[in-house]
Amino acid sequence: MTIKIALTGLLAAALVPGAVAVAVPVVTGPATPAVPAVTVALAGRGGVWVRAADLPNCGGDYFMPCKGQPWRLYLSNGKKVKFPDAARYATRADGSPAKAEEDSPAPFAVSGDGRSLAYVRARDGRVVVRAWPRGRRTVLPALGRATGTAFMTLDLSADGRHLSVDYSGAGRKRRPGLLVDTATGATVRTLPKGDRLLGFSADGDEVLAERALSDNTTSLIAHAADGSEVAAQPPQELVVTGVRLALEADGRTVVTAKDFTGVRRYDLAGQRWTGPARRIVAPRGELAGLGWGPGGRLEAVAMKGSDEDGYFTTVVYSLDPATGRTKKLDQWTIRPGVPR
């Protein structure tokens, strides 16, 4: 699963060892603090995997991609690799670069195992899913053609089998979301355009979404690739800003956490909590997201640093929701400016 994170400061988004991908597409503009575009993959198994994808920021206090600098892949062996095949800037519906006030990186996602990438191809705007480092490429249509890519979000399941495409941020131009088989490029499910996609389940067969209701409450829906779904109107504290959610492999149990204060499970089908909250032990920093690693391991991503500090550090922990215990899996730092 790919965790989407939008953070202020240099820290950002295009999503670590273990296999949870943290993709963090960031929408920034002239009035938005600098946020490096980073996508993070949470820890792979064996060999070299992609930890994160980053679009270098040279805008100082405000995000502005460094002139002529492509996306870079941060690898698990500590190396950085240029990735010029991916588009840098997001576009408007007519294909032109997004307006200054919408200035943002083009969508980019890394799978949780760090072995699959999804991005908008620079030369023609088509979406590509590519196995890392030299595996299969699946080329999809230019999925942002009708809406632009400034408000299109890509997300990969932890194992890279499925891709989700979300247009919920496009306002009046929003379109139904898509669930795509990355091996064939076929759309296996079209999702209601009012749903905002939150991430894949541990096994990648479902995607969690939220839907705003007419009574100003929010419901959660687990959409399965086979066409089934489980929906609930949970306690509204589950869907407020700052609460991180992760859908378990059963397609009905949601793990919830706010900051690093506690973790708890909620059963969508039964519409009830399944146990008490557990205090999360050890991590420090801002909880940027929850995601799934190899073998259905729950992982938590912490971010440290700021614009003023001149760096952002990503730390990935395994998290046991039954006990709140954590174990550090990986850590790396991204600094602003042209990479050295």
Protein backbone atom coordinates (compact mmCIF):
# COMPACT_ATOMS: atom_id res chain seq x y z
CA MET A 1 0.00 0.00 0.00
CA THR A 2 1.11 3.50 -0.65
CA ILE A 3 0.75 6.03 2.10
CA LYS A 4 -0.07 9.49 0.93
CA ILE A 5 1.33 12.26 3.05
CA ALA A 6 1.12 16.00 2.69
CA LEU A 7 3.28 17.77 5.23
CA THR A 8 4.37 21.35 5.72
CA GLY A 9 8.00 22.35 5.47
CA LEU A 10 10.63 20.56 3.46
CA LEU A 11 9.04 17.28 4.36
CA ALA A 12 6.76 15.93 1.80
CA ALA A 13 5.54 13.36 -0.08
CA ALA A 14 6.13 10.92 -2.83
CA LEU A 15 6.03 8.16 -0.17
CA VAL A 16 11.30 1.92 3.86
CA PRO A 17 12.63 -1.39 4.56
CA GLY A 18 9.76 -3.73 5.32
CA ALA A 19 7.54 -2.97 2.38
CA VAL A 20 5.17 -0.15 3.02
CA ALA A 21 5.21 2.51 0.39
CA VAL A 22 4.68 5.99 1.49
CA ALA A 23 3.78 8.04 -1.49
CA VAL A 24 3.44 11.63 -0.70
CA PRO A 25 2.21 13.81 -3.51
CA VAL A 26 2.22 17.39 -2.41
CA VAL A 27 0.12 20.21 -3.82
CA THR A 28 1.90 23.45 -3.10
CA GLY A 29 1.68 27.01 -4.35
CA PRO A 30 3.18 30.43 -3.82
CA ALA A 31 1.54 30.69 -0.41
CA THR A 32 2.46 27.18 0.64
CA PRO A 33 5.53 26.38 2.77
CA ALA A 34 8.24 24.45 0.98
CA VAL A 35 7.49 20.77 0.82
CA PRO A 36 9.74 18.34 -0.97
CA ALA A 37 7.76 15.92 -3.06
CA VAL A 38 8.51 12.50 -1.70
CA THR A 39 7.07 9.03 -2.24
CA VAL A 40 8.16 6.45 0.28
CA ALA A 41 8.31 2.68 0.05
CA LEU A 42 8.38 1.08 3.45
CA ALA A 43 10.86 -1.77 3.56
CA GLY A 44 11.44 -4.42 0.97
CA ARG A 45 12.86 -7.89 1.41
CA GLY A 46 16.28 -8.77 0.07
CA GLY A 47 18.21 -7.03 -2.68
CA VAL A 48 17.96 -3.29 -3.31
CA TRP A 49 14.59 -1.58 -3.23
CA VAL A 50 13.37 1.98 -3.65
CA ARG A 51 12.96 3.74 -0.32
CA ALA A 52 11.53 6.97 -1.70
CA ALA A 53 11.10 9.16 -4.76
CA ASP A 54 11.88 12.85 -4.33
CA LEU A 55 11.54 15.92 -6.56
CA PRO A 56 14.26 18.35 -5.33
CA ASN A 57 13.02 21.70 -3.99
CA CYS A 58 14.90 24.95 -4.67
CA GLY A 59 12.14 27.34 -3.60
CA GLY A 60 13.42 28.13 -0.15
CA ASP A 61 10.36 28.72 2.02
CA TYR A 62 8.03 27.74 -0.85
CA PHE A 63 8.03 24.65 -3.00
CA MET A 64 9.59 25.07 -6.44
CA PRO A 65 11.28 22.18 -8.25
CA CYS A 66 14.98 22.77 -8.86
CA LYS A 67 15.51 23.85 -12.46
CA GLY A 68 16.41 20.93 -14.71
CA GLN A 69 16.48 18.44 -11.84
CA PRO A 70 14.47 15.22 -12.37
CA TRP A 71 12.88 13.00 -9.77
CA ARG A 72 15.41 11.01 -7.77
CA LEU A 73 15.01 7.55 -6.32
CA TYR A 74 16.50 6.95 -2.89
CA LEU A 75 17.63 3.31 -2.73
CA SER A 76 17.96 1.01 0.25
CA ASN A 77 21.74 0.80 -0.26
CA GLY A 78 22.07 4.56 0.28
CA LYS A 79 22.47 5.50 -3.37
CA LYS A 80 20.41 8.12 -5.24
CA VAL A 81 19.42 7.55 -8.87
CA LYS A 82 18.03 10.13 -11.32
CA PHE A 83 14.67 9.21 -12.83
CA PRO A 84 14.02 11.53 -15.81
CA ASP A 85 11.24 9.38 -17.32
CA ALA A 86 8.74 10.83 -14.82
CA ALA A 87 7.02 14.18 -15.41
CA ARG A 88 8.06 16.89 -12.95
CA TYR A 89 5.12 19.28 -13.06
CA ALA A 90 1.44 18.57 -12.70
CA THR A 91 -0.84 19.76 -15.51
CA ARG A 92 -4.23 21.38 -15.98
CA ALA A 93 -7.07 19.72 -17.87
CA ASP A 94 -5.85 21.09 -21.24
CA GLY A 95 -2.40 19.61 -20.70
CA SER A 96 -0.67 22.91 -19.97
CA PRO A 97 1.43 23.30 -16.80
CA ALA A 98 -0.62 23.94 -13.68
CA LYS A 99 -1.05 27.58 -12.71
CA ALA A 100 1.41 29.05 -10.25
CA GLU A 101 -1.15 28.88 -7.45
CA GLU A 102 -1.61 25.19 -8.20
CA ASP A 103 2.10 24.51 -8.55
CA SER A 104 2.72 20.89 -7.65
CA PRO A 105 4.76 17.86 -8.60
CA ALA A 106 3.20 15.36 -10.97
CA PRO A 107 1.79 12.26 -9.23
CA PHE A 108 4.28 9.55 -8.26
CA ALA A 109 3.86 6.40 -6.15
CA VAL A 110 6.13 3.68 -4.78
CA SER A 111 4.77 0.30 -3.70
CA GLY A 112 5.19 -0.84 -0.12
CA ASP A 113 7.83 -3.38 -1.05
CA GLY A 114 9.79 -0.73 -2.94
CA ARG A 115 9.74 -2.76 -6.15
CA SER A 116 7.09 -1.01 -8.24
CA LEU A 117 6.77 2.61 -9.37
CA ALA A 118 3.75 4.44 -10.80
CA TYR A 119 4.18 7.83 -12.45
CA VAL A 120 3.17 10.13 -15.28
CA ARG A 121 5.53 9.75 -18.23
CA ALA A 122 7.21 13.03 -19.14
CA ARG A 123 7.07 12.72 -22.92
CA ASP A 124 3.38 11.94 -23.42
CA GLY A 125 1.50 12.16 -20.09
CA ARG A 126 0.66 8.46 -20.00
CA VAL A 127 0.68 6.66 -16.66
CA VAL A 128 3.35 3.97 -16.36
CA VAL A 129 3.67 1.21 -13.76
CA ARG A 130 7.20 -0.11 -13.74
CA ALA A 131 8.80 -2.95 -11.83
CA TRP A 132 12.11 -1.93 -10.27
CA PRO A 133 14.84 -2.12 -11.43
CA ARG A 134 14.45 -3.74 -14.86
CA GLY A 135 11.14 -5.52 -14.79
CA ARG A 136 7.85 -5.29 -16.65
CA ARG A 137 6.36 -1.94 -17.68
CA THR A 138 2.63 -1.48 -18.04
CA VAL A 139 1.68 1.64 -19.99
CA LEU A 140 -1.77 3.04 -19.28
CA PRO A 141 -3.63 5.87 -21.03
CA ALA A 142 -3.07 9.53 -20.12
CA LEU A 143 -5.43 9.25 -17.17
CA GLY A 144 -5.14 12.93 -16.31
CA ARG A 145 -6.16 14.15 -19.76
CA ALA A 146 -9.69 15.26 -18.85
CA THR A 147 -8.92 16.66 -15.39
CA GLY A 148 -5.23 17.45 -15.37
CA THR A 149 -2.80 15.75 -13.01
CA ALA A 150 -2.65 18.49 -10.37
CA PHE A 151 -5.54 16.80 -8.56
CA MET A 152 -4.90 13.20 -9.59
CA THR A 153 -3.38 10.85 -7.02
CA LEU A 154 -1.71 7.51 -7.76
CA ASP A 155 -1.34 4.76 -5.16
CA LEU A 156 0.07 1.24 -5.31
CA SER A 157 -0.75 -1.78 -3.17
CA ALA A 158 2.13 -3.05 -1.03
CA ASP A 159 2.96 -5.79 -3.56
CA GLY A 160 2.40 -3.58 -6.61
CA ARG A 161 -0.42 -5.75 -8.02
CA HIS A 162 -3.00 -3.00 -7.96
CA LEU A 163 -2.97 0.73 -8.73
CA SER A 164 -5.62 3.18 -7.60
CA VAL A 165 -6.28 6.49 -9.34
CA ASP A 166 -8.10 9.15 -7.34
CA TYR A 167 -9.62 12.36 -8.74
CA SER A 168 -11.55 13.41 -5.62
CA GLY A 169 -9.57 16.64 -5.23
CA ALA A 170 -10.55 17.96 -8.68
CA GLY A 171 -13.74 19.68 -7.53
CA ARG A 172 -16.34 19.99 -10.30
CA LYS A 173 -14.00 18.17 -12.69
CA ARG A 174 -13.59 15.14 -10.46
CA ARG A 175 -14.13 11.73 -12.01
CA PRO A 176 -14.83 8.25 -10.62
CA GLY A 177 -11.77 6.62 -9.08
CA LEU A 178 -10.18 3.60 -10.72
CA LEU A 179 -8.73 0.33 -9.47
CA VAL A 180 -6.29 -1.10 -12.03
CA ASP A 181 -4.57 -4.48 -12.46
CA THR A 182 -0.94 -3.47 -13.00
CA ALA A 183 -0.06 -6.71 -14.85
CA THR A 184 -2.62 -6.19 -17.61
CA GLY A 185 -3.50 -2.51 -17.35
CA ALA A 186 -7.19 -3.44 -17.11
CA THR A 187 -9.53 -1.43 -14.90
CA VAL A 188 -10.99 -3.98 -12.50
CA ARG A 189 -13.32 -1.55 -10.75
CA THR A 190 -14.63 1.98 -11.14
CA LEU A 191 -15.28 3.72 -7.83
CA PRO A 192 -17.86 6.43 -6.97
CA LYS A 193 -16.52 9.88 -7.80
CA GLY A 194 -17.58 11.22 -4.40
CA ASP A 195 -15.22 8.83 -2.61
CA ARG A 196 -11.73 9.92 -1.51
CA LEU A 197 -9.33 6.98 -1.60
CA LEU A 198 -7.23 6.47 1.53
CA GLY A 199 -5.09 3.43 0.74
CA PHE A 200 -5.00 -0.29 0.07
CA SER A 201 -5.64 -3.15 2.45
CA ALA A 202 -2.76 -5.29 3.68
CA ASP A 203 -3.24 -7.85 0.88
CA GLY A 204 -3.97 -5.24 -1.81
CA ASP A 205 -7.40 -6.66 -2.70
CA GLU A 206 -9.40 -3.77 -1.23
CA VAL A 207 -9.06 -0.02 -1.08
CA LEU A 208 -10.34 2.11 1.79
CA ALA A 209 -12.27 5.28 1.00
CA GLU A 210 -14.17 8.00 2.80
CA ARG A 211 -17.39 9.66 1.65
CA ALA A 212 -18.88 12.95 2.82
CA LEU A 213 -22.61 12.61 3.60
CA SER A 214 -25.39 15.18 3.38
CA ASP A 215 -25.71 15.41 7.17
CA ASN A 216 -22.09 16.65 7.42
CA THR A 217 -20.81 13.30 8.66
CA THR A 218 -18.36 10.97 6.92
CA SER A 219 -18.61 7.27 6.16
CA LEU A 220 -15.84 4.76 5.48
CA ILE A 221 -16.10 2.21 2.67
CA ALA A 222 -13.87 -0.74 1.86
CA HIS A 223 -14.14 -1.36 -1.91
CA ALA A 224 -13.00 -4.82 -3.03
CA ALA A 225 -11.59 -5.64 -6.45
CA ASP A 226 -14.30 -8.29 -6.85
CA GLY A 227 -17.03 -5.63 -6.69
CA SER A 228 -18.15 -6.14 -3.09
CA GLU A 229 -17.88 -3.50 -0.39
CA VAL A 230 -18.27 -2.94 3.34
CA ALA A 231 -19.49 0.47 4.49
CA ALA A 232 -20.04 2.07 7.90
CA GLN A 233 -20.66 5.43 9.47
CA PRO A 234 -18.06 5.11 12.24
CA PRO A 235 -17.52 7.33 15.28
CA GLN A 236 -16.55 10.63 13.69
CA GLU A 237 -13.29 10.81 15.63
CA LEU A 238 -12.02 8.21 13.14
CA VAL A 239 -12.33 10.57 10.21
CA VAL A 240 -11.06 13.87 11.59
CA THR A 241 -7.83 15.49 10.46
CA GLY A 242 -4.72 13.88 11.89
CA VAL A 243 -6.12 10.37 12.36
CA ARG A 244 -4.22 7.77 10.28
CA LEU A 245 -6.07 4.71 8.99
CA ALA A 246 -4.99 1.35 7.56
CA LEU A 247 -7.32 -1.40 6.30
CA GLU A 248 -6.44 -4.96 7.33
CA ALA A 249 -6.42 -7.91 4.91
CA ASP A 250 -9.92 -9.00 5.95
CA GLY A 251 -11.30 -5.93 4.18
CA ARG A 252 -13.37 -4.83 7.19
CA THR A 253 -11.03 -4.03 10.11
CA VAL A 254 -9.49 -0.56 10.20
CA VAL A 255 -6.43 0.24 12.31
CA THR A 256 -6.53 3.82 13.61
CA ALA A 257 -3.86 6.01 15.18
CA LYS A 258 -3.62 9.69 16.02
CA ASP A 259 -0.07 10.95 16.32
CA PHE A 260 1.93 8.39 18.31
CA THR A 261 -0.42 8.45 21.28
CA GLY A 262 -2.39 5.25 20.71
CA VAL A 263 -3.59 2.61 18.25
CA ARG A 264 -6.98 0.90 18.06
CA ARG A 265 -9.05 -1.32 15.70
CA TYR A 266 -12.54 -0.66 14.36
CA ASP A 267 -14.76 -3.25 12.62
CA LEU A 268 -16.60 -1.64 9.70
CA ALA A 269 -18.99 -4.57 9.20
CA GLY A 270 -19.91 -4.79 12.88
CA GLN A 271 -19.66 -1.01 13.36
CA ARG A 272 -17.86 -1.40 16.67
CA TRP A 273 -14.46 -1.13 18.30
CA THR A 274 -12.82 -4.55 18.62
CA GLY A 275 -10.67 -3.83 21.66
CA PRO A 276 -9.17 -1.10 23.83
CA ALA A 277 -6.72 1.52 22.61
CA ARG A 278 -3.05 0.65 23.11
CA ARG A 279 -0.40 3.24 23.85
CA ILE A 280 2.25 3.34 21.13
CA VAL A 281 5.68 2.71 22.60
CA ALA A 282 8.90 4.48 21.58
CA PRO A 283 8.68 6.53 18.35
CA ARG A 284 9.22 10.26 18.29
CA GLY A 285 8.34 12.71 15.58
CA GLU A 286 5.17 13.43 13.63
CA LEU A 287 3.12 10.40 12.57
CA ALA A 288 2.91 10.88 8.82
CA GLY A 289 1.06 7.69 7.96
CA LEU A 290 0.30 4.02 8.46
CA GLY A 291 0.89 1.38 5.80
CA TRP A 292 1.55 -2.28 5.14
CA GLY A 293 4.86 -4.04 4.74
CA PRO A 294 5.84 -7.59 3.69
CA GLY A 295 3.62 -10.33 5.03
CA GLY A 296 0.95 -7.88 6.17
CA ARG A 297 3.20 -6.13 8.67
CA LEU A 298 1.76 -2.83 9.89
CA GLU A 299 4.24 0.02 9.63
CA ALA A 300 4.21 3.59 10.92
CA VAL A 301 6.11 6.45 9.28
CA ALA A 302 7.49 9.26 11.42
CA MET A 303 8.84 12.54 10.08
CA LYS A 304 11.38 14.80 11.78
CA GLY A 305 12.85 18.14 10.74
CA SER A 306 11.64 21.43 9.26
CA ASP A 307 12.38 24.21 6.79
CA GLU A 308 14.45 25.98 9.39
CA ASP A 309 16.44 22.85 10.20
CA GLY A 310 17.19 22.39 6.49
CA TYR A 311 16.32 18.70 6.42
CA PHE A 312 13.56 16.15 6.82
CA THR A 313 14.21 12.69 8.17
CA THR A 314 11.87 9.76 7.53
CA VAL A 315 11.84 6.93 10.08
CA VAL A 316 9.87 3.73 9.55
CA TYR A 317 8.73 1.49 12.40
CA SER A 318 6.87 -1.79 12.56
CA LEU A 319 3.81 -1.41 14.79
CA ASP A 320 1.93 -4.16 16.61
CA PRO A 321 -1.65 -2.86 17.01
CA ALA A 322 -2.39 -5.45 19.71
CA THR A 323 0.35 -4.17 22.05
CA GLY A 324 1.45 -0.78 20.69
CA ARG A 325 5.05 -1.99 20.50
CA THR A 326 7.29 -0.69 17.74
CA LYS A 327 10.60 -1.59 16.13
CA LYS A 328 12.71 0.73 14.00
CA LEU A 329 13.15 -0.60 10.46
CA ASP A 330 14.74 2.15 8.39
CA GLN A 331 15.71 5.83 8.32
CA TRP A 332 16.93 8.35 5.76
CA THR A 333 17.25 12.13 5.34
CA ILE A 334 16.35 14.40 2.42
CA ARG A 335 17.72 17.95 2.20
CA PRO A 336 16.48 20.81 0.00
CA GLY A 337 18.29 22.14 -3.04
CA VAL A 338 20.16 20.41 -5.84
CA PRO A 339 21.25 16.97 -4.56
CA ARG A 340 24.99 16.49 -4.22
